[in-house]
Amino acid sequence: MNKLLAKILITFTALFVTGITYAQKPKPDTVTAGLYITSIHDINFKDKEYTADMWLWLRYKKKEFDFIKNLEVPQAKTVTKSFTTVDSSNNKIFILMKLQCVMKDSWAINNFPFDSQKLRFSIENSQFDSKAIIFKIDNRGQHFDPRFTLNGWAIDSISLTSGIKKYETAFGDSIVPPHTEYSNFKAVLRIHRDAMGLFWKMFLGMYVAFLIAYMCFYIHADSIDSRFGLSVGALFAVIGNKYIIDNTLPESTTFTLVDTLHGLTLLFILATIICNTFSLRLIKTNKLKEGRRFDFISAQVVLVAYLVLNGWFIYTASRG
């Protein structure tokens, strides 16, 4: 009886230990990652891409991770490894590589040219998911060269984080439901544009066209051809200026600052034409004094309203 009880107890203990062993999931291995950006250039606003040169390093234990072959940069158009070194001493793998990546990203153009952008870079291991790998951030030192110049832009900050990227697919495996998670290492570089020079370069033609239309208020009302000829010419000049700027920007379904300023200018040129028409009507009915007074008041109202609205929209965009 005692032997039977002992056997039952041993069997139960073995099953209990085995159950605990199977219930405990193996912990993923840690990969320590860091980067140092040496250059960002060839920012292509139209095609939503830029080129980044950087040093990337990874430190881990398992050789099978092999980041030289398994490095995945999800948002990259192309990835070029110009230099790679591997140190496998002390039972650890240390990889240092020099990368040049042509990155695809989305641009926020609502406040262009007073825009701020986030340049995103991330890596994953293409063969091992988050059950096998988790990333740890190496935050020591700086992460970009403060001496390199990003033409037309200023760097605000850079942040390094690690996380989990979810894919709602099993990549052909028989997993139900089809869901896969990969650990990733992410860098976000925040930059803003030095905008004033570019602003005047792009919008000077538009403002000159408005001033040409505005000068119609100071042309004698008898010169009908001059008044309407200048206004209509200015109207087409603003439209042409907008098409030129739009060709340098990516497609957008939102109403941007570029659209706002050009639309505002077109409306005020139209208002100028309407005022000229009404002034001409007064003069044709022998109300010369009233016509001149109307021209003077209209000129002040149009100019002040145009300047105030432009200043407000530009100020709001520059603070956004």
Protein backbone atom coordinates (compact mmCIF):
# COMPACT_ATOMS: atom_id res chain seq x y z
CA MET A 1 0.00 0.00 0.00
CA ASN A 2 2.81 2.34 0.94
CA LYS A 3 4.66 1.47 -2.29
CA LEU A 4 1.54 2.22 -4.35
CA LEU A 5 1.07 5.53 -2.56
CA ALA A 6 4.71 6.42 -3.16
CA LYS A 7 4.41 5.64 -6.90
CA ILE A 8 1.29 7.79 -7.18
CA LEU A 9 3.02 10.65 -5.37
CA ILE A 10 6.11 10.41 -7.61
CA THR A 11 3.97 10.30 -10.74
CA PHE A 12 1.92 13.31 -9.63
CA THR A 13 5.06 15.29 -8.79
CA ALA A 14 6.61 14.47 -12.18
CA LEU A 15 3.46 15.55 -14.01
CA PHE A 16 3.28 18.76 -11.96
CA VAL A 17 6.90 19.70 -12.68
CA THR A 18 6.47 18.87 -16.36
CA GLY A 19 3.35 21.02 -16.50
CA ILE A 20 5.19 23.97 -14.99
CA THR A 21 8.05 23.50 -17.43
CA TYR A 22 5.72 23.56 -20.44
CA ALA A 23 3.68 26.43 -19.03
CA GLN A 24 6.71 28.69 -18.72
CA LYS A 25 7.50 30.35 -22.02
CA PRO A 26 11.16 30.85 -22.87
CA LYS A 27 12.27 34.45 -22.44
CA PRO A 28 13.44 36.26 -25.57
CA ASP A 29 17.09 37.24 -25.82
CA THR A 30 18.09 40.88 -25.55
CA VAL A 31 19.76 42.73 -28.41
CA THR A 32 21.35 46.04 -27.40
CA ALA A 33 21.19 48.53 -30.30
CA GLY A 34 22.39 52.07 -30.89
CA LEU A 35 23.07 54.43 -33.78
CA TYR A 36 24.91 57.62 -34.69
CA ILE A 37 23.67 59.64 -37.67
CA THR A 38 26.48 61.30 -39.62
CA SER A 39 24.51 62.90 -42.42
CA ILE A 40 21.02 63.48 -43.78
CA HIS A 41 20.80 64.78 -47.33
CA ASP A 42 18.94 64.57 -50.65
CA ILE A 43 15.60 65.39 -49.03
CA ASN A 44 13.13 64.92 -51.88
CA PHE A 45 9.92 66.64 -50.82
CA LYS A 46 8.02 65.71 -53.99
CA ASP A 47 8.77 61.97 -53.80
CA LYS A 48 8.62 61.80 -49.97
CA GLU A 49 12.10 60.40 -49.43
CA TYR A 50 15.50 61.29 -47.97
CA THR A 51 18.96 59.72 -47.60
CA ALA A 52 20.58 59.05 -44.21
CA ASP A 53 24.16 57.94 -43.45
CA MET A 54 24.69 56.37 -40.04
CA TRP A 55 26.64 53.98 -37.87
CA LEU A 56 24.55 51.16 -36.39
CA TRP A 57 25.78 48.76 -33.71
CA LEU A 58 24.22 45.66 -32.15
CA ARG A 59 25.33 43.50 -29.23
CA TYR A 60 23.84 40.02 -28.53
CA LYS A 61 24.71 36.42 -27.64
CA LYS A 62 23.16 34.06 -30.19
CA LYS A 63 25.08 33.73 -33.44
CA GLU A 64 22.00 32.56 -35.32
CA PHE A 65 20.49 36.05 -35.10
CA ASP A 66 23.09 37.11 -37.71
CA PHE A 67 22.04 40.73 -38.23
CA ILE A 68 24.43 41.09 -41.15
CA LYS A 69 22.13 38.85 -43.21
CA ASN A 70 18.86 39.32 -41.32
CA LEU A 71 18.82 43.10 -40.89
CA GLU A 72 15.45 44.47 -41.99
CA VAL A 73 14.78 48.22 -42.44
CA PRO A 74 11.01 48.33 -43.09
CA GLN A 75 10.70 51.90 -44.45
CA ALA A 76 13.86 51.85 -46.57
CA LYS A 77 13.80 52.10 -50.35
CA THR A 78 17.41 50.93 -50.51
CA VAL A 79 19.98 49.93 -47.86
CA THR A 80 23.72 49.96 -48.60
CA LYS A 81 26.28 48.54 -46.14
CA SER A 82 29.60 50.22 -46.85
CA PHE A 83 31.44 48.84 -43.82
CA THR A 84 30.86 45.96 -41.38
CA THR A 85 32.94 44.61 -38.50
CA VAL A 86 32.15 41.68 -36.19
CA ASP A 87 33.65 40.95 -32.78
CA SER A 88 32.71 37.56 -31.27
CA SER A 89 34.94 37.56 -28.19
CA ASN A 90 33.69 36.88 -24.62
CA ASN A 91 30.81 34.72 -25.91
CA LYS A 92 29.07 37.78 -27.29
CA ILE A 93 28.55 39.13 -30.80
CA PHE A 94 29.24 42.80 -31.46
CA ILE A 95 28.43 44.16 -34.92
CA LEU A 96 29.28 47.65 -36.14
CA MET A 97 28.10 48.65 -39.61
CA LYS A 98 28.01 51.81 -41.73
CA LEU A 99 24.67 52.21 -43.52
CA GLN A 100 23.35 54.48 -46.21
CA CYS A 101 19.55 54.25 -46.39
CA VAL A 102 17.18 55.90 -48.83
CA MET A 103 14.10 56.21 -46.63
CA LYS A 104 10.47 56.65 -47.63
CA ASP A 105 8.39 58.73 -45.24
CA SER A 106 5.29 60.87 -45.09
CA TRP A 107 5.51 64.66 -44.94
CA ALA A 108 3.28 67.06 -43.03
CA ILE A 109 2.82 69.91 -45.53
CA ASN A 110 -0.15 71.80 -44.06
CA ASN A 111 2.13 74.60 -42.80
CA PHE A 112 4.66 74.50 -45.64
CA PRO A 113 7.11 76.26 -45.79
CA PHE A 114 6.94 76.73 -42.00
CA ASP A 115 6.75 72.97 -41.52
CA SER A 116 8.27 70.58 -39.00
CA GLN A 117 8.94 66.97 -39.93
CA LYS A 118 9.67 63.66 -38.24
CA LEU A 119 12.26 61.45 -39.95
CA ARG A 120 11.71 57.84 -38.88
CA PHE A 121 14.16 54.94 -38.98
CA SER A 122 13.55 51.43 -37.63
CA ILE A 123 15.12 47.98 -37.82
CA GLU A 124 13.92 44.42 -37.24
CA ASN A 125 15.35 40.93 -37.55
CA SER A 126 13.70 39.34 -40.58
CA GLN A 127 14.04 35.75 -39.25
CA PHE A 128 13.27 36.03 -35.53
CA ASP A 129 10.09 37.51 -34.05
CA SER A 130 9.45 39.06 -30.64
CA LYS A 131 9.35 35.62 -28.98
CA ALA A 132 13.06 35.28 -29.70
CA ILE A 133 14.33 38.89 -29.68
CA ILE A 134 13.68 42.09 -27.80
CA PHE A 135 15.67 45.28 -28.34
CA LYS A 136 17.34 47.31 -25.63
CA ILE A 137 18.44 50.90 -26.32
CA ASP A 138 22.05 52.04 -26.01
CA ASN A 139 21.50 55.67 -24.96
CA ARG A 140 25.08 56.55 -24.15
CA GLY A 141 26.48 59.63 -25.85
CA GLN A 142 24.99 61.62 -28.72
CA HIS A 143 23.03 60.07 -31.57
CA PHE A 144 23.77 62.55 -34.36
CA ASP A 145 26.70 64.69 -35.42
CA PRO A 146 25.90 68.27 -34.30
CA ARG A 147 28.38 69.61 -36.87
CA PHE A 148 26.75 68.22 -39.99
CA THR A 149 24.57 70.68 -41.86
CA LEU A 150 21.10 69.81 -43.03
CA ASN A 151 20.67 72.39 -45.75
CA GLY A 152 17.61 74.53 -45.05
CA TRP A 153 16.65 72.65 -41.90
CA ALA A 154 17.44 72.73 -38.17
CA ILE A 155 17.50 69.66 -35.91
CA ASP A 156 15.32 69.81 -32.78
CA SER A 157 15.84 66.41 -31.15
CA ILE A 158 16.26 62.69 -31.65
CA SER A 159 14.65 59.88 -29.64
CA LEU A 160 15.50 56.18 -29.62
CA THR A 161 12.88 53.64 -28.52
CA SER A 162 12.10 49.95 -28.81
CA GLY A 163 8.72 48.39 -29.35
CA ILE A 164 6.65 45.70 -31.02
CA LYS A 165 5.54 45.86 -34.66
CA LYS A 166 2.35 43.88 -35.31
CA TYR A 167 1.64 42.20 -38.63
CA GLU A 168 -1.84 40.85 -39.24
CA THR A 169 -0.51 37.94 -41.28
CA ALA A 170 1.19 34.62 -40.61
CA PHE A 171 3.51 34.98 -43.66
CA GLY A 172 2.23 31.66 -45.04
CA ASP A 173 2.37 29.73 -41.76
CA SER A 174 -0.64 27.86 -40.40
CA ILE A 175 -1.06 30.15 -37.37
CA VAL A 176 -4.67 30.90 -36.44
CA PRO A 177 -5.46 33.74 -36.20
CA PRO A 178 -2.87 35.08 -38.68
CA HIS A 179 -0.90 37.42 -36.43
CA THR A 180 2.86 37.95 -36.01
CA GLU A 181 4.82 40.33 -33.82
CA TYR A 182 8.39 41.52 -34.36
CA SER A 183 10.49 43.52 -31.95
CA ASN A 184 11.90 46.71 -33.46
CA PHE A 185 14.41 49.44 -32.71
CA LYS A 186 13.20 52.92 -33.69
CA ALA A 187 14.76 56.36 -34.10
CA VAL A 188 12.75 59.56 -34.67
CA LEU A 189 14.60 62.73 -35.72
CA ARG A 190 12.58 65.93 -35.37
CA ILE A 191 13.54 68.81 -37.67
CA HIS A 192 12.08 72.17 -38.68
CA ARG A 193 12.66 74.29 -41.75
CA ASP A 194 14.50 77.62 -41.83
CA ALA A 195 11.61 79.09 -43.76
CA MET A 196 11.85 82.85 -44.30
CA GLY A 197 14.22 82.78 -47.26
CA LEU A 198 12.23 80.05 -48.99
CA PHE A 199 8.94 81.81 -48.17
CA TRP A 200 9.91 85.01 -49.98
CA LYS A 201 11.42 83.08 -52.84
CA MET A 202 8.14 81.23 -53.41
CA PHE A 203 5.58 83.94 -52.63
CA LEU A 204 7.25 87.16 -53.81
CA GLY A 205 5.70 86.80 -57.29
CA MET A 206 2.24 86.37 -55.75
CA TYR A 207 2.57 89.51 -53.63
CA VAL A 208 3.88 91.55 -56.57
CA ALA A 209 0.87 90.41 -58.61
CA PHE A 210 -1.48 91.54 -55.84
CA LEU A 211 0.22 94.96 -55.62
CA ILE A 212 -0.12 95.38 -59.38
CA ALA A 213 -3.87 94.72 -59.08
CA TYR A 214 -4.05 97.00 -56.05
CA MET A 215 -2.52 99.91 -58.02
CA CYS A 216 -5.73 99.98 -60.09
CA PHE A 217 -7.34 101.99 -57.28
CA TYR A 218 -4.95 104.87 -58.07
CA ILE A 219 -5.49 104.86 -61.84
CA HIS A 220 -8.09 107.33 -63.08
CA ALA A 221 -11.45 105.68 -63.59
CA ASP A 222 -11.58 106.81 -67.22
CA SER A 223 -8.73 104.36 -67.97
CA ILE A 224 -10.98 101.32 -68.06
CA ASP A 225 -8.62 99.15 -70.11
CA SER A 226 -5.68 99.79 -67.76
CA ARG A 227 -7.67 99.01 -64.62
CA PHE A 228 -9.16 95.75 -65.81
CA GLY A 229 -6.11 94.71 -67.82
CA LEU A 230 -3.83 94.92 -64.80
CA SER A 231 -6.31 93.10 -62.54
CA VAL A 232 -6.88 90.21 -64.92
CA GLY A 233 -3.14 89.91 -65.61
CA ALA A 234 -2.45 89.77 -61.88
CA LEU A 235 -5.12 87.09 -61.50
CA PHE A 236 -3.41 84.81 -64.01
CA ALA A 237 0.02 85.54 -62.50
CA VAL A 238 -1.16 84.29 -59.08
CA ILE A 239 -2.65 81.14 -60.63
CA GLY A 240 0.62 80.46 -62.46
CA ASN A 241 2.63 80.98 -59.28
CA LYS A 242 0.45 78.46 -57.44
CA TYR A 243 0.90 75.79 -60.12
CA ILE A 244 4.67 76.23 -59.99
CA ILE A 245 4.73 75.74 -56.20
CA ASP A 246 2.31 72.79 -56.34
CA ASN A 247 4.70 70.98 -58.69
CA THR A 248 7.35 70.94 -55.95
CA LEU A 249 5.03 69.50 -53.28
CA PRO A 250 3.59 66.01 -52.75
CA GLU A 251 -0.09 65.40 -53.37
CA SER A 252 -2.32 66.47 -50.49
CA THR A 253 -6.07 66.30 -49.86
CA THR A 254 -5.92 68.94 -47.11
CA PHE A 255 -6.01 72.73 -47.48
CA THR A 256 -2.44 73.87 -46.92
CA LEU A 257 -0.94 77.28 -46.20
CA VAL A 258 0.06 77.50 -49.87
CA ASP A 259 -3.57 77.01 -50.88
CA THR A 260 -4.77 79.48 -48.26
CA LEU A 261 -2.46 82.33 -49.27
CA HIS A 262 -3.05 81.89 -52.99
CA GLY A 263 -6.81 81.55 -52.50
CA LEU A 264 -6.83 84.65 -50.32
CA THR A 265 -4.90 86.62 -52.95
CA LEU A 266 -7.25 85.52 -55.73
CA LEU A 267 -10.28 86.58 -53.68
CA PHE A 268 -8.82 90.01 -52.96
CA ILE A 269 -7.92 90.55 -56.62
CA LEU A 270 -11.51 89.59 -57.44
CA ALA A 271 -12.68 92.08 -54.79
CA THR A 272 -10.51 94.71 -56.47
CA ILE A 273 -12.17 94.03 -59.84
CA ILE A 274 -15.63 94.27 -58.24
CA CYS A 275 -14.73 97.57 -56.56
CA ASN A 276 -13.40 98.93 -59.86
CA THR A 277 -16.63 97.94 -61.58
CA PHE A 278 -18.75 99.71 -58.98
CA SER A 279 -16.51 102.80 -59.12
CA LEU A 280 -16.83 102.89 -62.90
CA ARG A 281 -20.61 102.72 -62.57
CA LEU A 282 -20.61 105.73 -60.23
CA ILE A 283 -18.48 107.74 -62.65
CA LYS A 284 -20.67 106.81 -65.63
CA THR A 285 -23.64 108.24 -63.73
CA ASN A 286 -21.75 111.54 -63.25
CA LYS A 287 -20.96 110.84 -59.60
CA LEU A 288 -17.28 111.61 -59.98
CA LYS A 289 -16.73 112.77 -56.39
CA GLU A 290 -18.46 109.69 -54.96
CA GLY A 291 -16.47 107.44 -57.27
CA ARG A 292 -13.13 108.86 -56.15
CA ARG A 293 -14.15 108.64 -52.50
CA PHE A 294 -15.22 105.03 -52.99
CA ASP A 295 -11.85 104.22 -54.64
CA PHE A 296 -9.97 105.73 -51.69
CA ILE A 297 -11.96 103.90 -49.01
CA SER A 298 -11.88 100.59 -50.93
CA ALA A 299 -8.11 100.83 -51.37
CA GLN A 300 -7.53 101.21 -47.62
CA VAL A 301 -9.97 98.45 -46.63
CA VAL A 302 -8.61 95.96 -49.17
CA LEU A 303 -4.97 96.61 -48.25
CA VAL A 304 -5.47 96.46 -44.48
CA ALA A 305 -7.67 93.35 -44.63
CA TYR A 306 -5.23 91.59 -46.96
CA LEU A 307 -2.22 92.36 -44.77
CA VAL A 308 -3.99 91.37 -41.54
CA LEU A 309 -5.27 88.06 -42.91
CA ASN A 310 -1.89 87.20 -44.44
CA GLY A 311 -0.12 88.01 -41.19
CA TRP A 312 -2.56 85.90 -39.19
CA PHE A 313 -2.28 82.81 -41.41
CA ILE A 314 1.52 83.04 -41.60
CA TYR A 315 1.84 83.54 -37.84
CA THR A 316 -0.46 80.58 -37.14
CA ALA A 317 1.51 78.33 -39.53
CA SER A 318 4.89 79.35 -38.09
CA ARG A 319 3.65 78.50 -34.57
CA GLY A 320 2.07 75.23 -35.63
